Amino acid sequence: MPSYEANHAKFEALDAQVVGISVDSVASHVAWAKSFGGIETYPLLADFHPKGMVAQLYGVYREDEGITERAVIIVDKTGIIRYIDVHDIGEHPDPAQILEELEKLR
C-alpha cells in the first residue's frame, strides 16, 4: 500500500481514489499505517463488523479463513465494477498495472 501512496499524483491525475479495505480492526489499521510512517493520501477502511460483509459482496472473502483475498477492484463513478485482479496473499499488486487499467477507462 505504500507504493500507492508514492503514486498518489498519478492516481489523482486519472481522477481515481485509492481506498484500502480489510477485515482488520480500525486499531490494527492505525498501527499498520504508522509502521510505514503513515498513510495520508487515501482512507483505510475496516470491514470488521460484521466481519467481511463488504468483501463478501465483491466475492473476495475467504469465509473458512476469516480473511480476504489480496484484490484490486476498480469501481467507476456510477458503481460499476470495471476491473478485478486477485493476487496471492503475499504478492503486492503492481501500481503500474492499476494505472494502466485506469488509463483504459478514460
PDB file of N, CA and C in Angstrom:
ATOM      1  N   MET A   1       0.803  -1.202   0.000  1.00  0.00           N
ATOM      2  CA  MET A   1       0.000   0.000   0.000  1.00  0.00           C
ATOM      3  C   MET A   1       0.853   1.277   0.000  1.00  0.00           C
ATOM      4  N   PRO A   2       2.026   1.277   0.588  1.00  0.00           N
ATOM      5  CA  PRO A   2       2.839   2.496   0.499  1.00  0.00           C
ATOM      6  C   PRO A   2       3.174   2.877  -0.944  1.00  0.00           C
ATOM      7  N   SER A   3       3.231   1.895  -1.847  1.00  0.00           N
ATOM      8  CA  SER A   3       3.507   2.230  -3.247  1.00  0.00           C
ATOM      9  C   SER A   3       2.356   3.024  -3.855  1.00  0.00           C
ATOM     10  N   TYR A   4       1.154   2.827  -3.353  1.00  0.00           N
ATOM     11  CA  TYR A   4       0.025   3.628  -3.830  1.00  0.00           C
ATOM     12  C   TYR A   4       0.139   5.051  -3.301  1.00  0.00           C
ATOM     13  N   GLU A   5       0.616   5.175  -2.095  1.00  0.00           N
ATOM     14  CA  GLU A   5       0.872   6.494  -1.518  1.00  0.00           C
ATOM     15  C   GLU A   5       1.902   7.234  -2.382  1.00  0.00           C
ATOM     16  N   ALA A   6       2.958   6.536  -2.772  1.00  0.00           N
ATOM     17  CA  ALA A   6       4.014   7.142  -3.577  1.00  0.00           C
ATOM     18  C   ALA A   6       3.516   7.546  -4.970  1.00  0.00           C
ATOM     19  N   ASN A   7       2.485   6.886  -5.458  1.00  0.00           N
ATOM     20  CA  ASN A   7       1.923   7.176  -6.787  1.00  0.00           C
ATOM     21  C   ASN A   7       0.650   8.011  -6.726  1.00  0.00           C
ATOM     22  N   HIS A   8       0.423   8.649  -5.601  1.00  0.00           N
ATOM     23  CA  HIS A   8      -0.812   9.410  -5.393  1.00  0.00           C
ATOM     24  C   HIS A   8      -1.096  10.395  -6.531  1.00  0.00           C
ATOM     25  N   ALA A   9      -0.095  11.151  -6.954  1.00  0.00           N
ATOM     26  CA  ALA A   9      -0.311  12.154  -8.002  1.00  0.00           C
ATOM     27  C   ALA A   9      -0.771  11.508  -9.307  1.00  0.00           C
ATOM     28  N   LYS A  10      -0.257  10.327  -9.621  1.00  0.00           N
ATOM     29  CA  LYS A  10      -0.655   9.636 -10.848  1.00  0.00           C
ATOM     30  C   LYS A  10      -2.103   9.159 -10.757  1.00  0.00           C
ATOM     31  N   PHE A  11      -2.490   8.637  -9.593  1.00  0.00           N
ATOM     32  CA  PHE A  11      -3.886   8.232  -9.412  1.00  0.00           C
ATOM     33  C   PHE A  11      -4.808   9.439  -9.497  1.00  0.00           C
ATOM     34  N   GLU A  12      -4.396  10.513  -8.853  1.00  0.00           N
ATOM     35  CA  GLU A  12      -5.193  11.734  -8.860  1.00  0.00           C
ATOM     36  C   GLU A  12      -5.357  12.275 -10.288  1.00  0.00           C
ATOM     37  N   ALA A  13      -4.301  12.217 -11.086  1.00  0.00           N
ATOM     38  CA  ALA A  13      -4.363  12.690 -12.470  1.00  0.00           C
ATOM     39  C   ALA A  13      -5.371  11.893 -13.296  1.00  0.00           C
ATOM     40  N   LEU A  14      -5.613  10.648 -12.903  1.00  0.00           N
ATOM     41  CA  LEU A  14      -6.597   9.803 -13.586  1.00  0.00           C
ATOM     42  C   LEU A  14      -7.964   9.863 -12.906  1.00  0.00           C
ATOM     43  N   ASP A  15      -8.115  10.821 -11.997  1.00  0.00           N
ATOM     44  CA  ASP A  15      -9.375  11.033 -11.274  1.00  0.00           C
ATOM     45  C   ASP A  15      -9.807   9.785 -10.507  1.00  0.00           C
ATOM     46  N   ALA A  16      -8.812   9.104  -9.917  1.00  0.00           N
ATOM     47  CA  ALA A  16      -9.071   7.875  -9.166  1.00  0.00           C
ATOM     48  C   ALA A  16      -8.807   8.097  -7.681  1.00  0.00           C
ATOM     49  N   GLN A  17      -9.598   7.461  -6.859  1.00  0.00           N
ATOM     50  CA  GLN A  17      -9.420   7.488  -5.413  1.00  0.00           C
ATOM     51  C   GLN A  17      -9.036   6.089  -4.954  1.00  0.00           C
ATOM     52  N   VAL A  18      -7.849   5.968  -4.367  1.00  0.00           N
ATOM     53  CA  VAL A  18      -7.411   4.700  -3.796  1.00  0.00           C
ATOM     54  C   VAL A  18      -8.066   4.559  -2.426  1.00  0.00           C
ATOM     55  N   VAL A  19      -8.556   3.361  -2.130  1.00  0.00           N
ATOM     56  CA  VAL A  19      -9.130   3.045  -0.826  1.00  0.00           C
ATOM     57  C   VAL A  19      -8.571   1.692  -0.403  1.00  0.00           C
ATOM     58  N   GLY A  20      -8.028   1.625   0.789  1.00  0.00           N
ATOM     59  CA  GLY A  20      -7.580   0.347   1.329  1.00  0.00           C
ATOM     60  C   GLY A  20      -8.663  -0.212   2.230  1.00  0.00           C
ATOM     61  N   ILE A  21      -8.980  -1.472   2.090  1.00  0.00           N
ATOM     62  CA  ILE A  21     -10.013  -2.076   2.931  1.00  0.00           C
ATOM     63  C   ILE A  21      -9.594  -3.487   3.302  1.00  0.00           C
ATOM     64  N   SER A  22      -9.796  -3.829   4.570  1.00  0.00           N
ATOM     65  CA  SER A  22      -9.518  -5.191   5.018  1.00  0.00           C
ATOM     66  C   SER A  22     -10.450  -5.526   6.174  1.00  0.00           C
ATOM     67  N   VAL A  23     -10.421  -6.784   6.571  1.00  0.00           N
ATOM     68  CA  VAL A  23     -11.291  -7.228   7.660  1.00  0.00           C
ATOM     69  C   VAL A  23     -10.655  -6.971   9.031  1.00  0.00           C
ATOM     70  N   ASP A  24      -9.520  -6.283   9.056  1.00  0.00           N
ATOM     71  CA  ASP A  24      -8.871  -5.945  10.321  1.00  0.00           C
ATOM     72  C   ASP A  24      -9.594  -4.778  10.996  1.00  0.00           C
ATOM     73  N   SER A  25      -9.332  -4.599  12.266  1.00  0.00           N
ATOM     74  CA  SER A  25      -9.967  -3.529  13.041  1.00  0.00           C
ATOM     75  C   SER A  25      -9.340  -2.168  12.727  1.00  0.00           C
ATOM     76  N   VAL A  26     -10.024  -1.120  13.135  1.00  0.00           N
ATOM     77  CA  VAL A  26      -9.509   0.235  12.962  1.00  0.00           C
ATOM     78  C   VAL A  26      -8.173   0.376  13.691  1.00  0.00           C
ATOM     79  N   ALA A  27      -8.080  -0.146  14.901  1.00  0.00           N
ATOM     80  CA  ALA A  27      -6.831  -0.061  15.675  1.00  0.00           C
ATOM     81  C   ALA A  27      -5.685  -0.748  14.930  1.00  0.00           C
ATOM     82  N   SER A  28      -5.973  -1.860  14.314  1.00  0.00           N
ATOM     83  CA  SER A  28      -4.970  -2.575  13.534  1.00  0.00           C
ATOM     84  C   SER A  28      -4.524  -1.744  12.335  1.00  0.00           C
ATOM     85  N   HIS A  29      -5.464  -1.078  11.674  1.00  0.00           N
ATOM     86  CA  HIS A  29      -5.134  -0.226  10.528  1.00  0.00           C
ATOM     87  C   HIS A  29      -4.243   0.933  10.953  1.00  0.00           C
ATOM     88  N   VAL A  30      -4.560   1.531  12.093  1.00  0.00           N
ATOM     89  CA  VAL A  30      -3.762   2.654  12.588  1.00  0.00           C
ATOM     90  C   VAL A  30      -2.328   2.197  12.843  1.00  0.00           C
ATOM     91  N   ALA A  31      -2.174   1.068  13.501  1.00  0.00           N
ATOM     92  CA  ALA A  31      -0.833   0.545  13.793  1.00  0.00           C
ATOM     93  C   ALA A  31      -0.093   0.204  12.503  1.00  0.00           C
ATOM     94  N   TRP A  32      -0.788  -0.408  11.561  1.00  0.00           N
ATOM     95  CA  TRP A  32      -0.165  -0.778  10.291  1.00  0.00           C
ATOM     96  C   TRP A  32       0.296   0.461   9.544  1.00  0.00           C
ATOM     97  N   ALA A  33      -0.558   1.470   9.443  1.00  0.00           N
ATOM     98  CA  ALA A  33      -0.204   2.702   8.721  1.00  0.00           C
ATOM     99  C   ALA A  33       0.991   3.387   9.380  1.00  0.00           C
ATOM    100  N   LYS A  34       1.013   3.407  10.701  1.00  0.00           N
ATOM    101  CA  LYS A  34       2.139   4.024  11.419  1.00  0.00           C
ATOM    102  C   LYS A  34       3.440   3.288  11.137  1.00  0.00           C
ATOM    103  N   SER A  35       3.377   1.985  10.932  1.00  0.00           N
ATOM    104  CA  SER A  35       4.595   1.216  10.674  1.00  0.00           C
ATOM    105  C   SER A  35       5.255   1.629   9.361  1.00  0.00           C
ATOM    106  N   PHE A  36       4.504   2.276   8.480  1.00  0.00           N
ATOM    107  CA  PHE A  36       5.040   2.769   7.208  1.00  0.00           C
ATOM    108  C   PHE A  36       5.275   4.275   7.246  1.00  0.00           C
ATOM    109  N   GLY A  37       5.146   4.873   8.403  1.00  0.00           N
ATOM    110  CA  GLY A  37       5.309   6.317   8.510  1.00  0.00           C
ATOM    111  C   GLY A  37       4.035   7.080   8.216  1.00  0.00           C
ATOM    112  N   GLY A  38       2.919   6.348   8.141  1.00  0.00           N
ATOM    113  CA  GLY A  38       1.620   6.977   7.909  1.00  0.00           C
ATOM    114  C   GLY A  38       1.152   6.825   6.474  1.00  0.00           C
ATOM    115  N   ILE A  39      -0.136   6.713   6.317  1.00  0.00           N
ATOM    116  CA  ILE A  39      -0.789   6.693   5.008  1.00  0.00           C
ATOM    117  C   ILE A  39      -1.667   7.938   5.010  1.00  0.00           C
ATOM    118  N   GLU A  40      -1.369   8.866   4.125  1.00  0.00           N
ATOM    119  CA  GLU A  40      -2.051  10.159   4.185  1.00  0.00           C
ATOM    120  C   GLU A  40      -2.951  10.465   2.999  1.00  0.00           C
ATOM    121  N   THR A  41      -2.766   9.766   1.887  1.00  0.00           N
ATOM    122  CA  THR A  41      -3.486  10.171   0.680  1.00  0.00           C
ATOM    123  C   THR A  41      -4.730   9.349   0.384  1.00  0.00           C
ATOM    124  N   TYR A  42      -4.969   8.306   1.157  1.00  0.00           N
ATOM    125  CA  TYR A  42      -6.173   7.517   0.923  1.00  0.00           C
ATOM    126  C   TYR A  42      -6.657   6.909   2.231  1.00  0.00           C
ATOM    127  N   PRO A  43      -7.963   6.653   2.314  1.00  0.00           N
ATOM    128  CA  PRO A  43      -8.512   6.082   3.542  1.00  0.00           C
ATOM    129  C   PRO A  43      -8.265   4.580   3.646  1.00  0.00           C
ATOM    130  N   LEU A  44      -8.136   4.122   4.877  1.00  0.00           N
ATOM    131  CA  LEU A  44      -8.104   2.690   5.186  1.00  0.00           C
ATOM    132  C   LEU A  44      -9.429   2.371   5.866  1.00  0.00           C
ATOM    133  N   LEU A  45     -10.179   1.465   5.305  1.00  0.00           N
ATOM    134  CA  LEU A  45     -11.499   1.127   5.813  1.00  0.00           C
ATOM    135  C   LEU A  45     -11.482  -0.246   6.466  1.00  0.00           C
ATOM    136  N   ALA A  46     -12.215  -0.364   7.568  1.00  0.00           N
ATOM    137  CA  ALA A  46     -12.284  -1.626   8.310  1.00  0.00           C
ATOM    138  C   ALA A  46     -13.599  -2.339   8.003  1.00  0.00           C
ATOM    139  N   ASP A  47     -13.499  -3.470   7.336  1.00  0.00           N
ATOM    140  CA  ASP A  47     -14.645  -4.336   7.036  1.00  0.00           C
ATOM    141  C   ASP A  47     -14.726  -5.366   8.171  1.00  0.00           C
ATOM    142  N   PHE A  48     -14.816  -4.837   9.379  1.00  0.00           N
ATOM    143  CA  PHE A  48     -14.593  -5.626  10.591  1.00  0.00           C
ATOM    144  C   PHE A  48     -15.860  -6.221  11.196  1.00  0.00           C
ATOM    145  N   HIS A  49     -16.947  -5.458  11.190  1.00  0.00           N
ATOM    146  CA  HIS A  49     -18.167  -5.971  11.816  1.00  0.00           C
ATOM    147  C   HIS A  49     -19.390  -5.510  11.036  1.00  0.00           C
ATOM    148  N   PRO A  50     -20.224  -6.376  10.541  1.00  0.00           N
ATOM    149  CA  PRO A  50     -19.983  -7.819  10.537  1.00  0.00           C
ATOM    150  C   PRO A  50     -18.800  -8.147   9.632  1.00  0.00           C
ATOM    151  N   LYS A  51     -17.933  -8.992  10.146  1.00  0.00           N
ATOM    152  CA  LYS A  51     -16.645  -9.259   9.511  1.00  0.00           C
ATOM    153  C   LYS A  51     -16.794  -9.725   8.061  1.00  0.00           C
ATOM    154  N   GLY A  52     -16.138  -8.968   7.175  1.00  0.00           N
ATOM    155  CA  GLY A  52     -16.082  -9.350   5.771  1.00  0.00           C
ATOM    156  C   GLY A  52     -17.330  -9.090   4.958  1.00  0.00           C
ATOM    157  N   MET A  53     -18.269  -8.314   5.459  1.00  0.00           N
ATOM    158  CA  MET A  53     -19.514  -8.100   4.723  1.00  0.00           C
ATOM    159  C   MET A  53     -19.264  -7.460   3.353  1.00  0.00           C
ATOM    160  N   VAL A  54     -18.417  -6.439   3.295  1.00  0.00           N
ATOM    161  CA  VAL A  54     -18.126  -5.784   2.020  1.00  0.00           C
ATOM    162  C   VAL A  54     -17.351  -6.736   1.110  1.00  0.00           C
ATOM    163  N   ALA A  55     -16.362  -7.419   1.668  1.00  0.00           N
ATOM    164  CA  ALA A  55     -15.575  -8.379   0.874  1.00  0.00           C
ATOM    165  C   ALA A  55     -16.470  -9.467   0.293  1.00  0.00           C
ATOM    166  N   GLN A  56     -17.457  -9.903   1.046  1.00  0.00           N
ATOM    167  CA  GLN A  56     -18.386 -10.914   0.540  1.00  0.00           C
ATOM    168  C   GLN A  56     -19.147 -10.381  -0.668  1.00  0.00           C
ATOM    169  N   LEU A  57     -19.551  -9.120  -0.610  1.00  0.00           N
ATOM    170  CA  LEU A  57     -20.289  -8.520  -1.720  1.00  0.00           C
ATOM    171  C   LEU A  57     -19.464  -8.487  -3.006  1.00  0.00           C
ATOM    172  N   TYR A  58     -18.151  -8.378  -2.864  1.00  0.00           N
ATOM    173  CA  TYR A  58     -17.256  -8.350  -4.023  1.00  0.00           C
ATOM    174  C   TYR A  58     -16.668  -9.723  -4.345  1.00  0.00           C
ATOM    175  N   GLY A  59     -17.057 -10.736  -3.589  1.00  0.00           N
ATOM    176  CA  GLY A  59     -16.619 -12.102  -3.865  1.00  0.00           C
ATOM    177  C   GLY A  59     -15.174 -12.384  -3.518  1.00  0.00           C
ATOM    178  N   VAL A  60     -14.614 -11.653  -2.556  1.00  0.00           N
ATOM    179  CA  VAL A  60     -13.197 -11.840  -2.224  1.00  0.00           C
ATOM    180  C   VAL A  60     -12.966 -12.193  -0.745  1.00  0.00           C
ATOM    181  N   TYR A  61     -14.002 -12.703  -0.087  1.00  0.00           N
ATOM    182  CA  TYR A  61     -13.873 -13.087   1.319  1.00  0.00           C
ATOM    183  C   TYR A  61     -13.626 -14.588   1.423  1.00  0.00           C
ATOM    184  N   ARG A  62     -12.612 -14.957   2.174  1.00  0.00           N
ATOM    185  CA  ARG A  62     -12.319 -16.365   2.442  1.00  0.00           C
ATOM    186  C   ARG A  62     -12.973 -16.734   3.774  1.00  0.00           C
ATOM    187  N   GLU A  63     -14.206 -17.141   3.709  1.00  0.00           N
ATOM    188  CA  GLU A  63     -15.001 -17.431   4.904  1.00  0.00           C
ATOM    189  C   GLU A  63     -14.309 -18.422   5.839  1.00  0.00           C
ATOM    190  N   ASP A  64     -13.741 -19.477   5.279  1.00  0.00           N
ATOM    191  CA  ASP A  64     -13.121 -20.514   6.107  1.00  0.00           C
ATOM    192  C   ASP A  64     -11.880 -20.018   6.850  1.00  0.00           C
ATOM    193  N   GLU A  65     -11.254 -18.936   6.346  1.00  0.00           N
ATOM    194  CA  GLU A  65     -10.065 -18.391   6.989  1.00  0.00           C
ATOM    195  C   GLU A  65     -10.319 -17.065   7.695  1.00  0.00           C
ATOM    196  N   GLY A  66     -11.449 -16.432   7.410  1.00  0.00           N
ATOM    197  CA  GLY A  66     -11.772 -15.151   8.027  1.00  0.00           C
ATOM    198  C   GLY A  66     -10.924 -14.001   7.512  1.00  0.00           C
ATOM    199  N   ILE A  67     -10.428 -14.142   6.262  1.00  0.00           N
ATOM    200  CA  ILE A  67      -9.618 -13.092   5.655  1.00  0.00           C
ATOM    201  C   ILE A  67     -10.123 -12.824   4.245  1.00  0.00           C
ATOM    202  N   THR A  68      -9.566 -11.796   3.629  1.00  0.00           N
ATOM    203  CA  THR A  68      -9.928 -11.502   2.248  1.00  0.00           C
ATOM    204  C   THR A  68      -8.792 -11.880   1.317  1.00  0.00           C
ATOM    205  N   GLU A  69      -9.149 -12.016   0.061  1.00  0.00           N
ATOM    206  CA  GLU A  69      -8.145 -12.164  -0.979  1.00  0.00           C
ATOM    207  C   GLU A  69      -7.368 -10.854  -1.060  1.00  0.00           C
ATOM    208  N   ARG A  70      -6.181 -10.900  -1.604  1.00  0.00           N
ATOM    209  CA  ARG A  70      -5.456  -9.676  -1.953  1.00  0.00           C
ATOM    210  C   ARG A  70      -5.980  -9.293  -3.323  1.00  0.00           C
ATOM    211  N   ALA A  71      -6.829  -8.303  -3.379  1.00  0.00           N
ATOM    212  CA  ALA A  71      -7.512  -7.979  -4.626  1.00  0.00           C
ATOM    213  C   ALA A  71      -7.474  -6.487  -4.914  1.00  0.00           C
ATOM    214  N   VAL A  72      -7.439  -6.176  -6.181  1.00  0.00           N
ATOM    215  CA  VAL A  72      -7.601  -4.806  -6.660  1.00  0.00           C
ATOM    216  C   VAL A  72      -8.920  -4.789  -7.412  1.00  0.00           C
ATOM    217  N   ILE A  73      -9.779  -3.876  -7.017  1.00  0.00           N
ATOM    218  CA  ILE A  73     -11.081  -3.752  -7.664  1.00  0.00           C
ATOM    219  C   ILE A  73     -11.250  -2.296  -8.073  1.00  0.00           C
ATOM    220  N   ILE A  74     -11.501  -2.079  -9.348  1.00  0.00           N
ATOM    221  CA  ILE A  74     -11.754  -0.726  -9.828  1.00  0.00           C
ATOM    222  C   ILE A  74     -13.249  -0.599 -10.061  1.00  0.00           C
ATOM    223  N   VAL A  75     -13.830   0.382  -9.381  1.00  0.00           N
ATOM    224  CA  VAL A  75     -15.259   0.672  -9.494  1.00  0.00           C
ATOM    225  C   VAL A  75     -15.374   2.074 -10.086  1.00  0.00           C
ATOM    226  N   ASP A  76     -16.167   2.207 -11.148  1.00  0.00           N
ATOM    227  CA  ASP A  76     -16.290   3.534 -11.754  1.00  0.00           C
ATOM    228  C   ASP A  76     -17.240   4.412 -10.925  1.00  0.00           C
ATOM    229  N   LYS A  77     -17.377   5.647 -11.343  1.00  0.00           N
ATOM    230  CA  LYS A  77     -18.168   6.624 -10.571  1.00  0.00           C
ATOM    231  C   LYS A  77     -19.651   6.293 -10.525  1.00  0.00           C
ATOM    232  N   THR A  78     -20.104   5.404 -11.398  1.00  0.00           N
ATOM    233  CA  THR A  78     -21.515   5.006 -11.370  1.00  0.00           C
ATOM    234  C   THR A  78     -21.726   3.730 -10.562  1.00  0.00           C
ATOM    235  N   GLY A  79     -20.628   3.186  -9.999  1.00  0.00           N
ATOM    236  CA  GLY A  79     -20.738   1.995  -9.168  1.00  0.00           C
ATOM    237  C   GLY A  79     -20.545   0.683  -9.913  1.00  0.00           C
ATOM    238  N   ILE A  80     -20.141   0.749 -11.169  1.00  0.00           N
ATOM    239  CA  ILE A  80     -19.933  -0.467 -11.964  1.00  0.00           C
ATOM    240  C   ILE A  80     -18.499  -0.954 -11.786  1.00  0.00           C
ATOM    241  N   ILE A  81     -18.362  -2.241 -11.486  1.00  0.00           N
ATOM    242  CA  ILE A  81     -17.036  -2.838 -11.362  1.00  0.00           C
ATOM    243  C   ILE A  81     -16.447  -2.955 -12.758  1.00  0.00           C
ATOM    244  N   ARG A  82     -15.278  -2.353 -12.952  1.00  0.00           N
ATOM    245  CA  ARG A  82     -14.625  -2.345 -14.261  1.00  0.00           C
ATOM    246  C   ARG A  82     -13.409  -3.259 -14.333  1.00  0.00           C
ATOM    247  N   TYR A  83     -12.893  -3.664 -13.160  1.00  0.00           N
ATOM    248  CA  TYR A  83     -11.658  -4.456 -13.160  1.00  0.00           C
ATOM    249  C   TYR A  83     -11.528  -5.145 -11.811  1.00  0.00           C
ATOM    250  N   ILE A  84     -11.206  -6.421 -11.845  1.00  0.00           N
ATOM    251  CA  ILE A  84     -10.890  -7.173 -10.627  1.00  0.00           C
ATOM    252  C   ILE A  84      -9.630  -7.983 -10.909  1.00  0.00           C
ATOM    253  N   ASP A  85      -8.681  -7.891 -10.008  1.00  0.00           N
ATOM    254  CA  ASP A  85      -7.437  -8.640 -10.129  1.00  0.00           C
ATOM    255  C   ASP A  85      -7.109  -9.209  -8.757  1.00  0.00           C
ATOM    256  N   VAL A  86      -7.136 -10.526  -8.631  1.00  0.00           N
ATOM    257  CA  VAL A  86      -6.867 -11.199  -7.354  1.00  0.00           C
ATOM    258  C   VAL A  86      -5.455 -11.766  -7.386  1.00  0.00           C
ATOM    259  N   HIS A  87      -4.721 -11.530  -6.310  1.00  0.00           N
ATOM    260  CA  HIS A  87      -3.328 -11.964  -6.186  1.00  0.00           C
ATOM    261  C   HIS A  87      -3.171 -12.910  -5.005  1.00  0.00           C
ATOM    262  N   ASP A  88      -2.057 -13.632  -4.978  1.00  0.00           N
ATOM    263  CA  ASP A  88      -1.712 -14.402  -3.796  1.00  0.00           C
ATOM    264  C   ASP A  88      -1.542 -13.439  -2.628  1.00  0.00           C
ATOM    265  N   ILE A  89      -1.844 -13.907  -1.424  1.00  0.00           N
ATOM    266  CA  ILE A  89      -1.791 -13.052  -0.238  1.00  0.00           C
ATOM    267  C   ILE A  89      -0.427 -12.374  -0.095  1.00  0.00           C
ATOM    268  N   GLY A  90       0.650 -13.059  -0.373  1.00  0.00           N
ATOM    269  CA  GLY A  90       1.982 -12.480  -0.218  1.00  0.00           C
ATOM    270  C   GLY A  90       2.431 -11.594  -1.364  1.00  0.00           C
ATOM    271  N   GLU A  91       1.641 -11.514  -2.410  1.00  0.00           N
ATOM    272  CA  GLU A  91       2.011 -10.734  -3.595  1.00  0.00           C
ATOM    273  C   GLU A  91       1.417  -9.333  -3.514  1.00  0.00           C
ATOM    274  N   HIS A  92       2.196  -8.364  -3.906  1.00  0.00           N
ATOM    275  CA  HIS A  92       1.724  -6.983  -3.890  1.00  0.00           C
ATOM    276  C   HIS A  92       1.377  -6.545  -5.308  1.00  0.00           C
ATOM    277  N   PRO A  93       0.125  -6.175  -5.548  1.00  0.00           N
ATOM    278  CA  PRO A  93      -0.266  -5.728  -6.886  1.00  0.00           C
ATOM    279  C   PRO A  93       0.583  -4.537  -7.334  1.00  0.00           C
ATOM    280  N   ASP A  94       0.949  -4.539  -8.595  1.00  0.00           N
ATOM    281  CA  ASP A  94       1.803  -3.507  -9.165  1.00  0.00           C
ATOM    282  C   ASP A  94       0.986  -2.244  -9.459  1.00  0.00           C
ATOM    283  N   PRO A  95       1.350  -1.109  -8.854  1.00  0.00           N
ATOM    284  CA  PRO A  95       0.620   0.128  -9.136  1.00  0.00           C
ATOM    285  C   PRO A  95       0.621   0.495 -10.622  1.00  0.00           C
ATOM    286  N   ALA A  96       1.696   0.166 -11.332  1.00  0.00           N
ATOM    287  CA  ALA A  96       1.760   0.481 -12.768  1.00  0.00           C
ATOM    288  C   ALA A  96       0.647  -0.236 -13.531  1.00  0.00           C
ATOM    289  N   GLN A  97       0.352  -1.473 -13.164  1.00  0.00           N
ATOM    290  CA  GLN A  97      -0.724  -2.225 -13.815  1.00  0.00           C
ATOM    291  C   GLN A  97      -2.075  -1.575 -13.527  1.00  0.00           C
ATOM    292  N   ILE A  98      -2.267  -1.140 -12.301  1.00  0.00           N
ATOM    293  CA  ILE A  98      -3.528  -0.492 -11.928  1.00  0.00           C
ATOM    294  C   ILE A  98      -3.685   0.821 -12.684  1.00  0.00           C
ATOM    295  N   LEU A  99      -2.609   1.596 -12.762  1.00  0.00           N
ATOM    296  CA  LEU A  99      -2.650   2.855 -13.500  1.00  0.00           C
ATOM    297  C   LEU A  99      -2.954   2.605 -14.977  1.00  0.00           C
ATOM    298  N   GLU A 100      -2.404   1.540 -15.524  1.00  0.00           N
ATOM    299  CA  GLU A 100      -2.681   1.189 -16.918  1.00  0.00           C
ATOM    300  C   GLU A 100      -4.171   0.862 -17.104  1.00  0.00           C
ATOM    301  N   GLU A 101      -4.747   0.119 -16.181  1.00  0.00           N
ATOM    302  CA  GLU A 101      -6.172  -0.211 -16.266  1.00  0.00           C
ATOM    303  C   GLU A 101      -7.037   1.041 -16.132  1.00  0.00           C
ATOM    304  N   LEU A 102      -6.642   1.949 -15.252  1.00  0.00           N
ATOM    305  CA  LEU A 102      -7.381   3.208 -15.113  1.00  0.00           C
ATOM    306  C   LEU A 102      -7.310   4.043 -16.384  1.00  0.00           C
ATOM    307  N   GLU A 103      -6.141   4.035 -17.003  1.00  0.00           N
ATOM    308  CA  GLU A 103      -5.958   4.779 -18.254  1.00  0.00           C
ATOM    309  C   GLU A 103      -6.913   4.253 -19.328  1.00  0.00           C
ATOM    310  N   LYS A 104      -7.147   2.962 -19.354  1.00  0.00           N
ATOM    311  CA  LYS A 104      -8.066   2.368 -20.338  1.00  0.00           C
ATOM    312  C   LYS A 104      -9.500   2.865 -20.157  1.00  0.00           C
ATOM    313  N   LEU A 105      -9.846   3.290 -18.952  1.00  0.00           N
ATOM    314  CA  LEU A 105     -11.205   3.720 -18.665  1.00  0.00           C
ATOM    315  C   LEU A 105     -11.461   5.190 -19.002  1.00  0.00           C
ATOM    316  N   ARG A 106     -10.411   5.898 -19.364  1.00  0.00           N
ATOM    317  CA  ARG A 106     -10.562   7.332 -19.664  1.00  0.00           C
ATOM    318  C   ARG A 106     -11.398   7.563 -20.887  1.00  0.00           C
TER     319      ARG A 106
END
